């Protein structure tokens, strides 16, 4: 079973998807229609409560992989984040890295691989998820890109993951 997460819409940015739907939530809903029971889904708040929501969803279950999605500003590439840093460490020296073959996944799927997730809730939840299982992966979806690009990229990631887990 794969858990796929997204964040609720946040902020008042006029460049959000129509009707203020977060791009990763919209992608998640599209993937739900395609993959059905092989996946479970969680939409989290953008705030500290996302950790509690995550814990409630994953607790007591075994996951083959956890894919976390977040929105990135602009129209840059869809990217896989290599690791997360400890939010309590201002120097960002303590890191947790995914045991999933991030370099192989990025290469197979034609996506960017980065080591700079940022310091917002994307990093917080990725660091927390990697403390739960090292089979977690964070994907940043650029806000300004075509929604079809997001869905296609996530389908590739999920299919590639199935070959790795």
N, C-alpha and C. Protein backbone atom coordinates (compact mmCIF):
# COMPACT_ATOMS: atom_id res chain seq x y z
N UNK A 1 0.85 -1.18 0.00
CA UNK A 1 0.00 0.00 0.00
C UNK A 1 0.89 1.24 0.00
N UNK A 2 0.53 2.19 -0.82
CA UNK A 2 1.25 3.46 -0.91
C UNK A 2 0.35 4.56 -0.35
N UNK A 3 0.91 5.42 0.50
CA UNK A 3 0.18 6.58 1.01
C UNK A 3 0.63 7.79 0.20
N UNK A 4 -0.33 8.53 -0.32
CA UNK A 4 -0.06 9.74 -1.08
C UNK A 4 -0.67 10.90 -0.31
N UNK A 5 0.12 11.93 -0.02
CA UNK A 5 -0.38 13.07 0.75
C UNK A 5 -0.28 14.36 -0.04
N UNK A 6 -1.12 15.30 0.32
CA UNK A 6 -1.08 16.65 -0.24
C UNK A 6 -1.48 17.61 0.86
N UNK A 7 -1.20 18.88 0.63
CA UNK A 7 -1.62 19.93 1.56
C UNK A 7 -2.89 20.60 1.04
N UNK A 8 -3.70 21.09 1.98
CA UNK A 8 -4.86 21.90 1.62
C UNK A 8 -4.37 23.19 0.97
N UNK A 9 -5.27 23.91 0.27
CA UNK A 9 -4.90 25.23 -0.24
C UNK A 9 -4.50 26.15 0.91
N UNK A 10 -3.60 27.08 0.64
CA UNK A 10 -3.18 27.99 1.70
C UNK A 10 -2.92 29.37 1.13
N UNK A 11 -2.97 30.34 2.03
CA UNK A 11 -2.67 31.71 1.64
C UNK A 11 -3.77 32.32 0.78
N UNK A 12 -3.49 33.52 0.33
CA UNK A 12 -4.45 34.23 -0.51
C UNK A 12 -3.85 34.54 -1.87
N UNK A 13 -2.84 33.80 -2.27
CA UNK A 13 -2.16 34.01 -3.54
C UNK A 13 -3.15 33.86 -4.69
N UNK A 14 -3.25 34.88 -5.52
CA UNK A 14 -4.19 34.85 -6.64
C UNK A 14 -3.75 33.89 -7.73
N UNK A 15 -2.50 33.42 -7.69
CA UNK A 15 -2.01 32.50 -8.70
C UNK A 15 -2.30 31.04 -8.39
N UNK A 16 -3.01 30.77 -7.27
CA UNK A 16 -3.39 29.39 -6.99
C UNK A 16 -4.31 28.89 -8.09
N UNK A 17 -4.50 27.60 -8.13
CA UNK A 17 -5.37 26.99 -9.13
C UNK A 17 -6.77 27.60 -9.01
N UNK A 18 -7.58 27.48 -10.07
CA UNK A 18 -8.94 28.03 -10.03
C UNK A 18 -9.70 27.57 -8.78
N UNK A 19 -10.51 28.44 -8.28
CA UNK A 19 -11.31 28.20 -7.07
C UNK A 19 -10.45 27.84 -5.87
N UNK A 20 -9.20 28.31 -5.89
CA UNK A 20 -8.28 28.15 -4.75
C UNK A 20 -7.97 26.68 -4.42
N UNK A 21 -7.99 25.80 -5.43
CA UNK A 21 -7.64 24.40 -5.22
C UNK A 21 -6.14 24.25 -5.37
N UNK A 22 -5.49 23.72 -4.36
CA UNK A 22 -4.05 23.52 -4.40
C UNK A 22 -3.72 22.50 -5.48
N UNK A 23 -2.67 22.79 -6.25
CA UNK A 23 -2.32 21.95 -7.37
C UNK A 23 -2.04 20.51 -6.94
N UNK A 24 -1.40 20.30 -5.81
CA UNK A 24 -1.11 18.93 -5.42
C UNK A 24 -2.37 18.20 -4.95
N UNK A 25 -3.33 18.91 -4.38
CA UNK A 25 -4.60 18.27 -4.00
C UNK A 25 -5.35 17.85 -5.27
N UNK A 26 -5.33 18.69 -6.28
CA UNK A 26 -6.00 18.36 -7.53
C UNK A 26 -5.35 17.13 -8.18
N UNK A 27 -4.04 17.07 -8.15
CA UNK A 27 -3.33 15.92 -8.70
C UNK A 27 -3.66 14.66 -7.91
N UNK A 28 -3.69 14.78 -6.59
CA UNK A 28 -4.03 13.64 -5.73
C UNK A 28 -5.40 13.08 -6.10
N UNK A 29 -6.37 13.93 -6.32
CA UNK A 29 -7.72 13.48 -6.64
C UNK A 29 -7.74 12.76 -7.99
N UNK A 30 -6.95 13.22 -8.95
CA UNK A 30 -6.87 12.54 -10.24
C UNK A 30 -6.26 11.16 -10.10
N UNK A 31 -5.20 11.05 -9.30
CA UNK A 31 -4.55 9.76 -9.10
C UNK A 31 -5.44 8.78 -8.35
N UNK A 32 -6.25 9.28 -7.45
CA UNK A 32 -7.18 8.42 -6.70
C UNK A 32 -8.11 7.68 -7.68
N UNK A 33 -8.58 8.39 -8.69
CA UNK A 33 -9.47 7.75 -9.66
C UNK A 33 -8.75 6.64 -10.42
N UNK A 34 -7.46 6.81 -10.67
CA UNK A 34 -6.73 5.81 -11.45
C UNK A 34 -6.26 4.61 -10.63
N UNK A 35 -5.70 4.85 -9.44
CA UNK A 35 -5.06 3.77 -8.69
C UNK A 35 -5.94 3.15 -7.62
N UNK A 36 -7.01 3.81 -7.24
CA UNK A 36 -7.99 3.24 -6.32
C UNK A 36 -7.44 2.62 -5.05
N UNK A 37 -7.75 1.34 -4.82
CA UNK A 37 -7.45 0.67 -3.55
C UNK A 37 -5.98 0.39 -3.31
N UNK A 38 -5.13 0.51 -4.31
CA UNK A 38 -3.70 0.26 -4.10
C UNK A 38 -3.04 1.42 -3.36
N UNK A 39 -3.80 2.49 -3.18
CA UNK A 39 -3.26 3.68 -2.55
C UNK A 39 -4.22 4.21 -1.51
N UNK A 40 -3.66 4.90 -0.54
CA UNK A 40 -4.46 5.60 0.45
C UNK A 40 -4.06 7.07 0.36
N UNK A 41 -4.95 7.96 0.77
CA UNK A 41 -4.76 9.38 0.54
C UNK A 41 -5.00 10.18 1.80
N UNK A 42 -4.23 11.23 1.94
CA UNK A 42 -4.36 12.12 3.09
C UNK A 42 -4.14 13.55 2.61
N UNK A 43 -5.08 14.43 2.93
CA UNK A 43 -4.91 15.85 2.67
C UNK A 43 -4.73 16.52 4.02
N UNK A 44 -3.58 17.20 4.20
CA UNK A 44 -3.21 17.79 5.49
C UNK A 44 -3.35 19.30 5.47
N UNK A 45 -3.53 19.86 6.65
CA UNK A 45 -3.52 21.31 6.82
C UNK A 45 -2.11 21.83 6.62
N UNK A 46 -2.01 23.09 6.23
CA UNK A 46 -0.70 23.74 6.13
C UNK A 46 -0.46 24.44 7.46
N UNK A 47 0.19 23.76 8.37
CA UNK A 47 0.46 24.28 9.70
C UNK A 47 0.99 23.16 10.57
N UNK A 48 1.30 23.47 11.82
CA UNK A 48 1.86 22.47 12.72
C UNK A 48 0.98 21.24 12.90
N UNK A 49 -0.33 21.41 12.72
CA UNK A 49 -1.25 20.27 12.89
C UNK A 49 -1.05 19.19 11.82
N UNK A 50 -0.30 19.50 10.75
CA UNK A 50 -0.07 18.48 9.71
C UNK A 50 0.64 17.26 10.29
N UNK A 51 1.49 17.46 11.29
CA UNK A 51 2.22 16.34 11.90
C UNK A 51 1.24 15.40 12.61
N UNK A 52 0.31 15.96 13.36
CA UNK A 52 -0.69 15.14 14.06
C UNK A 52 -1.60 14.43 13.06
N UNK A 53 -2.00 15.12 12.02
CA UNK A 53 -2.85 14.51 10.99
C UNK A 53 -2.11 13.34 10.32
N UNK A 54 -0.83 13.53 10.06
CA UNK A 54 -0.01 12.48 9.47
C UNK A 54 0.07 11.28 10.40
N UNK A 55 0.36 11.53 11.68
CA UNK A 55 0.49 10.45 12.66
C UNK A 55 -0.80 9.63 12.75
N UNK A 56 -1.95 10.31 12.75
CA UNK A 56 -3.23 9.60 12.83
C UNK A 56 -3.45 8.71 11.61
N UNK A 57 -3.01 9.17 10.44
CA UNK A 57 -3.23 8.42 9.21
C UNK A 57 -2.30 7.22 9.08
N UNK A 58 -1.06 7.35 9.51
CA UNK A 58 -0.08 6.27 9.29
C UNK A 58 0.01 5.29 10.44
N UNK A 59 -0.42 5.69 11.62
CA UNK A 59 -0.25 4.86 12.81
C UNK A 59 -0.82 3.46 12.68
N UNK A 60 -0.03 2.48 13.10
CA UNK A 60 -0.47 1.09 13.15
C UNK A 60 -0.60 0.40 11.81
N UNK A 61 -0.15 1.03 10.73
CA UNK A 61 -0.25 0.43 9.40
C UNK A 61 1.14 0.27 8.81
N UNK A 62 1.26 -0.69 7.92
CA UNK A 62 2.52 -0.86 7.20
C UNK A 62 2.35 -0.27 5.81
N UNK A 63 3.31 0.54 5.42
CA UNK A 63 3.27 1.21 4.12
C UNK A 63 4.45 0.74 3.29
N UNK A 64 4.19 0.47 2.01
CA UNK A 64 5.29 0.15 1.10
C UNK A 64 6.09 1.41 0.80
N UNK A 65 5.38 2.53 0.72
CA UNK A 65 6.03 3.82 0.48
C UNK A 65 5.05 4.93 0.84
N UNK A 66 5.60 6.10 1.15
CA UNK A 66 4.80 7.29 1.42
C UNK A 66 5.31 8.38 0.48
N UNK A 67 4.40 8.91 -0.35
CA UNK A 67 4.75 10.00 -1.26
C UNK A 67 4.06 11.25 -0.76
N UNK A 68 4.85 12.24 -0.41
CA UNK A 68 4.32 13.52 0.06
C UNK A 68 4.44 14.53 -1.07
N UNK A 69 3.40 15.34 -1.26
CA UNK A 69 3.43 16.35 -2.31
C UNK A 69 3.25 17.73 -1.71
N UNK A 70 3.93 18.68 -2.30
CA UNK A 70 3.78 20.07 -1.90
C UNK A 70 3.90 20.96 -3.11
N UNK A 71 3.41 22.16 -2.95
CA UNK A 71 3.41 23.13 -4.03
C UNK A 71 4.65 24.00 -3.94
N UNK A 72 5.29 24.22 -5.09
CA UNK A 72 6.45 25.10 -5.16
C UNK A 72 6.07 26.32 -6.01
N UNK A 73 6.57 27.50 -5.67
CA UNK A 73 6.24 28.68 -6.46
C UNK A 73 6.86 28.61 -7.86
N UNK A 74 6.23 29.30 -8.79
CA UNK A 74 6.81 29.42 -10.13
C UNK A 74 6.48 28.26 -11.05
N UNK A 75 7.25 28.20 -12.14
CA UNK A 75 7.01 27.17 -13.15
C UNK A 75 8.25 26.32 -13.40
N UNK A 76 9.07 26.16 -12.38
CA UNK A 76 10.28 25.34 -12.49
C UNK A 76 9.94 23.88 -12.70
N UNK A 77 10.95 23.04 -12.65
CA UNK A 77 10.71 21.61 -12.88
C UNK A 77 10.00 20.94 -11.70
N UNK A 78 9.31 19.86 -12.00
CA UNK A 78 8.81 18.99 -10.94
C UNK A 78 10.04 18.34 -10.35
N UNK A 79 10.12 18.33 -9.02
CA UNK A 79 11.37 17.84 -8.44
C UNK A 79 11.15 16.90 -7.26
N UNK A 80 12.04 15.95 -7.15
CA UNK A 80 12.09 15.02 -6.03
C UNK A 80 13.11 15.57 -5.05
N UNK A 81 12.72 15.63 -3.78
CA UNK A 81 13.62 16.13 -2.74
C UNK A 81 14.41 14.96 -2.17
N UNK A 82 15.73 15.11 -2.15
CA UNK A 82 16.62 14.04 -1.71
C UNK A 82 16.53 13.78 -0.21
N UNK A 83 16.43 14.84 0.57
CA UNK A 83 16.38 14.68 2.02
C UNK A 83 15.68 15.86 2.67
N UNK A 84 15.41 15.71 3.96
CA UNK A 84 14.82 16.79 4.77
C UNK A 84 15.79 17.10 5.90
N UNK A 85 15.73 18.32 6.39
CA UNK A 85 16.58 18.72 7.51
C UNK A 85 15.75 18.87 8.77
N UNK A 86 16.40 18.70 9.91
CA UNK A 86 15.73 18.81 11.21
C UNK A 86 15.23 20.24 11.39
N UNK A 87 13.91 20.45 11.49
CA UNK A 87 13.37 21.80 11.65
C UNK A 87 13.87 22.50 12.91
N UNK A 88 14.29 21.74 13.92
CA UNK A 88 14.78 22.33 15.17
C UNK A 88 16.26 22.68 15.10
N UNK A 89 16.92 22.37 14.00
CA UNK A 89 18.35 22.63 13.84
C UNK A 89 18.54 23.82 12.91
N UNK A 90 18.81 25.02 13.46
CA UNK A 90 18.92 26.21 12.62
C UNK A 90 20.02 26.12 11.56
N UNK A 91 21.03 25.33 11.81
CA UNK A 91 22.11 25.18 10.83
C UNK A 91 21.78 24.12 9.78
N UNK A 92 20.68 23.41 9.97
CA UNK A 92 20.23 22.37 9.03
C UNK A 92 21.30 21.31 8.78
N UNK A 93 22.03 20.96 9.83
CA UNK A 93 23.08 19.95 9.69
C UNK A 93 22.55 18.53 9.84
N UNK A 94 21.51 18.36 10.66
CA UNK A 94 20.93 17.02 10.84
C UNK A 94 19.92 16.77 9.72
N UNK A 95 20.15 15.69 9.00
CA UNK A 95 19.31 15.38 7.84
C UNK A 95 18.79 13.96 7.92
N UNK A 96 17.65 13.74 7.29
CA UNK A 96 17.13 12.39 7.07
C UNK A 96 16.96 12.23 5.57
N UNK A 97 17.45 11.11 5.08
CA UNK A 97 17.41 10.86 3.64
C UNK A 97 16.52 9.66 3.34
N UNK A 98 15.82 9.73 2.24
CA UNK A 98 14.96 8.64 1.82
C UNK A 98 15.79 7.43 1.43
N UNK A 99 15.31 6.24 1.80
CA UNK A 99 15.96 4.99 1.39
C UNK A 99 15.51 4.59 -0.02
N UNK A 100 14.47 5.26 -0.51
CA UNK A 100 14.04 5.00 -1.87
C UNK A 100 15.10 5.57 -2.81
N UNK A 101 15.31 4.94 -3.90
CA UNK A 101 16.38 5.33 -4.82
C UNK A 101 16.02 6.64 -5.52
N UNK A 102 16.20 7.76 -4.82
CA UNK A 102 15.76 9.05 -5.35
C UNK A 102 16.46 9.41 -6.66
N UNK A 103 17.75 9.12 -6.76
CA UNK A 103 18.47 9.44 -8.00
C UNK A 103 17.94 8.60 -9.16
N UNK A 104 17.73 7.31 -8.90
CA UNK A 104 17.19 6.42 -9.94
C UNK A 104 15.78 6.84 -10.33
N UNK A 105 14.95 7.16 -9.34
CA UNK A 105 13.58 7.61 -9.63
C UNK A 105 13.58 8.88 -10.47
N UNK A 106 14.40 9.85 -10.08
CA UNK A 106 14.46 11.11 -10.82
C UNK A 106 14.89 10.86 -12.26
N UNK A 107 15.90 10.02 -12.43
CA UNK A 107 16.41 9.72 -13.77
C UNK A 107 15.36 8.98 -14.60
N UNK A 108 14.76 7.93 -14.03
CA UNK A 108 13.74 7.14 -14.75
C UNK A 108 12.54 7.99 -15.15
N UNK A 109 12.18 8.92 -14.29
CA UNK A 109 10.97 9.71 -14.50
C UNK A 109 11.24 11.03 -15.21
N UNK A 110 12.50 11.34 -15.48
CA UNK A 110 12.84 12.60 -16.14
C UNK A 110 12.55 13.81 -15.28
N UNK A 111 12.78 13.69 -13.96
CA UNK A 111 12.49 14.78 -13.03
C UNK A 111 13.77 15.30 -12.41
N UNK A 112 13.70 16.49 -11.86
CA UNK A 112 14.85 17.07 -11.17
C UNK A 112 14.98 16.45 -9.78
N UNK A 113 16.21 16.33 -9.31
CA UNK A 113 16.49 15.87 -7.95
C UNK A 113 17.20 17.02 -7.25
N UNK A 114 16.66 17.44 -6.10
CA UNK A 114 17.27 18.57 -5.40
C UNK A 114 17.56 18.20 -3.95
N UNK A 115 18.42 18.99 -3.36
CA UNK A 115 18.75 18.79 -1.95
C UNK A 115 18.45 20.06 -1.15
N UNK A 116 17.46 20.83 -1.63
CA UNK A 116 17.07 22.06 -0.94
C UNK A 116 15.55 22.14 -0.86
N UNK A 117 14.98 21.44 0.12
CA UNK A 117 13.52 21.40 0.26
C UNK A 117 12.96 22.70 0.82
N UNK A 118 13.78 23.49 1.48
CA UNK A 118 13.31 24.72 2.10
C UNK A 118 13.06 24.52 3.59
N UNK A 119 12.46 25.50 4.23
CA UNK A 119 12.27 25.44 5.69
C UNK A 119 10.80 25.56 6.08
N UNK A 120 9.89 25.30 5.16
CA UNK A 120 8.47 25.46 5.45
C UNK A 120 7.87 24.11 5.85
N UNK A 121 6.57 23.96 5.84
CA UNK A 121 5.94 22.72 6.30
C UNK A 121 6.24 21.53 5.40
N UNK A 122 6.67 21.78 4.18
CA UNK A 122 7.11 20.67 3.32
C UNK A 122 8.28 19.95 4.00
N UNK A 123 9.24 20.71 4.48
CA UNK A 123 10.39 20.13 5.17
C UNK A 123 9.97 19.48 6.49
N UNK A 124 9.11 20.16 7.23
CA UNK A 124 8.67 19.64 8.53
C UNK A 124 8.04 18.25 8.37
N UNK A 125 7.10 18.12 7.43
CA UNK A 125 6.40 16.84 7.29
C UNK A 125 7.30 15.78 6.66
N UNK A 126 8.19 16.17 5.76
CA UNK A 126 9.11 15.19 5.16
C UNK A 126 10.07 14.66 6.22
N UNK A 127 10.60 15.54 7.05
CA UNK A 127 11.51 15.11 8.12
C UNK A 127 10.77 14.17 9.07
N UNK A 128 9.56 14.53 9.41
CA UNK A 128 8.75 13.71 10.31
C UNK A 128 8.44 12.34 9.68
N UNK A 129 8.05 12.34 8.41
CA UNK A 129 7.73 11.09 7.72
C UNK A 129 8.95 10.17 7.64
N UNK A 130 10.13 10.75 7.40
CA UNK A 130 11.35 9.95 7.34
C UNK A 130 11.72 9.39 8.70
N UNK A 131 11.22 9.98 9.77
CA UNK A 131 11.39 9.41 11.10
C UNK A 131 10.47 8.22 11.32
N UNK A 132 9.37 8.19 10.59
CA UNK A 132 8.42 7.08 10.67
C UNK A 132 8.89 5.91 9.80
N UNK A 133 9.30 6.22 8.57
CA UNK A 133 9.80 5.22 7.63
C UNK A 133 10.79 5.87 6.69
N UNK A 134 11.84 5.14 6.35
CA UNK A 134 12.79 5.71 5.39
C UNK A 134 12.32 5.49 3.95
N UNK A 135 11.13 4.91 3.79
CA UNK A 135 10.55 4.73 2.46
C UNK A 135 9.57 5.86 2.14
N UNK A 136 9.99 7.07 2.43
CA UNK A 136 9.19 8.26 2.14
C UNK A 136 9.88 9.06 1.04
N UNK A 137 9.08 9.81 0.30
CA UNK A 137 9.58 10.60 -0.81
C UNK A 137 8.78 11.89 -0.88
N UNK A 138 9.45 13.02 -1.10
CA UNK A 138 8.74 14.29 -1.23
C UNK A 138 8.89 14.80 -2.65
N UNK A 139 7.75 15.18 -3.25
CA UNK A 139 7.72 15.70 -4.61
C UNK A 139 7.17 17.11 -4.57
N UNK A 140 7.94 18.07 -5.10
CA UNK A 140 7.47 19.45 -5.21
C UNK A 140 6.90 19.67 -6.61
N UNK A 141 5.65 20.13 -6.64
CA UNK A 141 4.96 20.41 -7.90
C UNK A 141 4.88 21.92 -8.09
N UNK A 142 5.45 22.44 -9.18
CA UNK A 142 5.39 23.89 -9.39
C UNK A 142 3.96 24.36 -9.67
N UNK A 143 3.61 25.42 -9.02
CA UNK A 143 2.25 25.96 -9.08
C UNK A 143 1.83 26.35 -10.49
N UNK A 144 2.75 26.88 -11.28
CA UNK A 144 2.38 27.44 -12.58
C UNK A 144 2.41 26.41 -13.71
N UNK A 145 2.82 25.19 -13.44
CA UNK A 145 2.89 24.17 -14.50
C UNK A 145 1.51 23.61 -14.79
N UNK A 146 1.39 22.97 -15.93
CA UNK A 146 0.15 22.33 -16.36
C UNK A 146 -0.18 21.16 -15.44
N UNK A 147 -1.41 21.08 -14.99
CA UNK A 147 -1.85 19.99 -14.11
C UNK A 147 -1.59 18.62 -14.73
N UNK A 148 -1.73 18.48 -16.03
CA UNK A 148 -1.46 17.21 -16.70
C UNK A 148 -0.02 16.77 -16.53
N UNK A 149 0.91 17.73 -16.48
CA UNK A 149 2.32 17.41 -16.23
C UNK A 149 2.48 16.77 -14.85
N UNK A 150 1.78 17.30 -13.86
CA UNK A 150 1.87 16.77 -12.50
C UNK A 150 1.37 15.34 -12.45
N UNK A 151 0.21 15.11 -13.02
CA UNK A 151 -0.38 13.78 -12.98
C UNK A 151 0.53 12.78 -13.69
N UNK A 152 1.03 13.14 -14.86
CA UNK A 152 1.91 12.24 -15.61
C UNK A 152 3.18 11.93 -14.83
N UNK A 153 3.76 12.94 -14.20
CA UNK A 153 4.99 12.73 -13.42
C UNK A 153 4.72 11.82 -12.23
N UNK A 154 3.62 12.04 -11.52
CA UNK A 154 3.31 11.19 -10.37
C UNK A 154 2.97 9.77 -10.78
N UNK A 155 2.32 9.60 -11.92
CA UNK A 155 2.07 8.24 -12.41
C UNK A 155 3.40 7.53 -12.67
N UNK A 156 4.35 8.23 -13.29
CA UNK A 156 5.67 7.64 -13.54
C UNK A 156 6.36 7.27 -12.23
N UNK A 157 6.29 8.16 -11.25
CA UNK A 157 6.93 7.89 -9.95
C UNK A 157 6.31 6.66 -9.30
N UNK A 158 4.98 6.58 -9.30
CA UNK A 158 4.31 5.46 -8.66
C UNK A 158 4.64 4.15 -9.36
N UNK A 159 4.64 4.15 -10.69
CA UNK A 159 4.99 2.94 -11.42
C UNK A 159 6.45 2.56 -11.16
N UNK A 160 7.34 3.53 -11.14
CA UNK A 160 8.76 3.25 -10.87
C UNK A 160 8.94 2.74 -9.44
N UNK A 161 8.21 3.32 -8.49
CA UNK A 161 8.30 2.87 -7.10
C UNK A 161 7.86 1.41 -6.97
N UNK A 162 6.82 1.05 -7.67
CA UNK A 162 6.34 -0.33 -7.59
C UNK A 162 7.42 -1.31 -8.03
N UNK A 163 8.29 -0.89 -8.94
CA UNK A 163 9.40 -1.75 -9.36
C UNK A 163 10.54 -1.79 -8.36
N UNK A 164 10.55 -0.83 -7.42
CA UNK A 164 11.64 -0.74 -6.44
C UNK A 164 11.27 -1.30 -5.07
N UNK A 165 9.97 -1.40 -4.78
CA UNK A 165 9.56 -1.83 -3.43
C UNK A 165 8.97 -3.23 -3.43
